Amino acid sequence: MITTRGKPIAPIYNPHTKSYFELRIVLPRPPNWMTAVRFARTKFFKRTRGRLAVVKDLETHSFLKANFELKEES
C-alpha cells in the first residue's frame, strides 16, 4: 500500500528543490535502471516530462521520508 502520510497520492511540491515528487511502484518487480528511466519519461505533470528523483542533500531526503511512506501489506 502506498500512502503519503494522509495526503492525496499526487505529485507533491518541494520548495527546497522547486520540483515535484511522486512515488510510483512498478509491479510485479522493480525494473532495471534504464527501464525505470524510460518509464519515468512517459509521465507528465504540468506539461513537464517525468524523470527519476535526484536526492542531492539531506533536506531532500528528509522531505521524501516525511511525505512518502511505503508499507508492505501483511
Protein backbone atom coordinates (compact mmCIF):
# COMPACT_ATOMS: atom_id res chain seq x y z
CA MET A 1 0.00 0.00 0.00
CA ILE A 2 1.27 3.50 -0.80
CA THR A 3 0.37 6.42 1.42
CA THR A 4 1.51 10.00 1.55
CA ARG A 5 1.01 10.38 5.29
CA GLY A 6 -2.71 11.06 5.00
CA LYS A 7 -2.40 13.31 1.95
CA PRO A 8 -3.78 12.53 -1.53
CA ILE A 9 -1.49 10.43 -3.71
CA ALA A 10 -0.37 13.01 -6.26
CA PRO A 11 2.84 14.84 -7.08
CA ILE A 12 3.99 16.82 -4.03
CA TYR A 13 5.90 20.09 -4.38
CA ASN A 14 9.20 20.51 -2.57
CA PRO A 15 10.01 24.24 -2.22
CA HIS A 16 13.65 23.45 -1.40
CA THR A 17 14.29 21.82 -4.79
CA LYS A 18 11.50 23.70 -6.61
CA SER A 19 10.28 20.40 -8.05
CA TYR A 20 7.51 17.86 -7.67
CA PHE A 21 7.94 14.30 -6.43
CA GLU A 22 5.64 11.33 -6.93
CA LEU A 23 6.13 7.75 -5.79
CA ARG A 24 5.42 5.14 -8.47
CA ILE A 25 5.50 1.40 -7.84
CA VAL A 26 6.06 -0.92 -10.79
CA LEU A 27 4.88 -4.48 -10.27
CA PRO A 28 5.41 -7.41 -10.28
CA ARG A 29 9.04 -6.48 -9.64
CA PRO A 30 11.18 -3.36 -9.79
CA PRO A 31 12.62 -2.66 -13.25
CA ASN A 32 16.27 -2.22 -14.05
CA TRP A 33 17.65 1.34 -14.14
CA MET A 34 17.13 2.00 -17.87
CA THR A 35 13.58 0.63 -17.80
CA ALA A 36 12.82 2.91 -14.83
CA VAL A 37 14.27 5.91 -16.72
CA ARG A 38 12.11 5.15 -19.77
CA PHE A 39 9.02 4.63 -17.61
CA ALA A 40 9.55 7.95 -15.80
CA ARG A 41 9.90 9.76 -19.13
CA THR A 42 6.41 8.58 -20.19
CA LYS A 43 4.82 10.53 -17.31
CA PHE A 44 3.91 14.22 -17.43
CA PHE A 45 2.80 16.73 -14.78
CA LYS A 46 2.06 20.37 -15.56
CA ARG A 47 3.41 19.83 -19.09
CA THR A 48 6.77 18.68 -17.71
CA ARG A 49 8.18 15.26 -18.56
CA GLY A 50 8.91 12.95 -15.64
CA ARG A 51 12.35 11.80 -14.54
CA LEU A 52 13.82 9.78 -11.73
CA ALA A 53 14.27 11.61 -8.45
CA VAL A 54 17.65 13.07 -7.59
CA VAL A 55 18.30 13.21 -3.86
CA LYS A 56 21.22 15.63 -3.61
CA ASP A 57 21.07 16.54 0.05
CA LEU A 58 19.71 15.63 3.47
CA GLU A 59 16.90 18.18 3.23
CA THR A 60 15.52 16.49 0.09
CA HIS A 61 15.89 13.07 1.71
CA SER A 62 14.02 14.30 4.79
CA PHE A 63 11.26 15.76 2.59
CA LEU A 64 10.77 12.43 0.84
CA LYS A 65 10.70 10.46 4.09
CA ALA A 66 8.22 12.94 5.59
CA ASN A 67 5.84 12.80 2.63
CA PHE A 68 6.04 9.24 1.30
CA GLU A 69 5.66 6.04 3.24
CA LEU A 70 5.79 2.56 1.78
CA LYS A 71 4.31 -0.24 3.87
CA GLU A 72 4.23 -3.91 3.00
CA GLU A 73 0.79 -5.47 3.26
CA SER A 74 0.64 -8.44 5.62
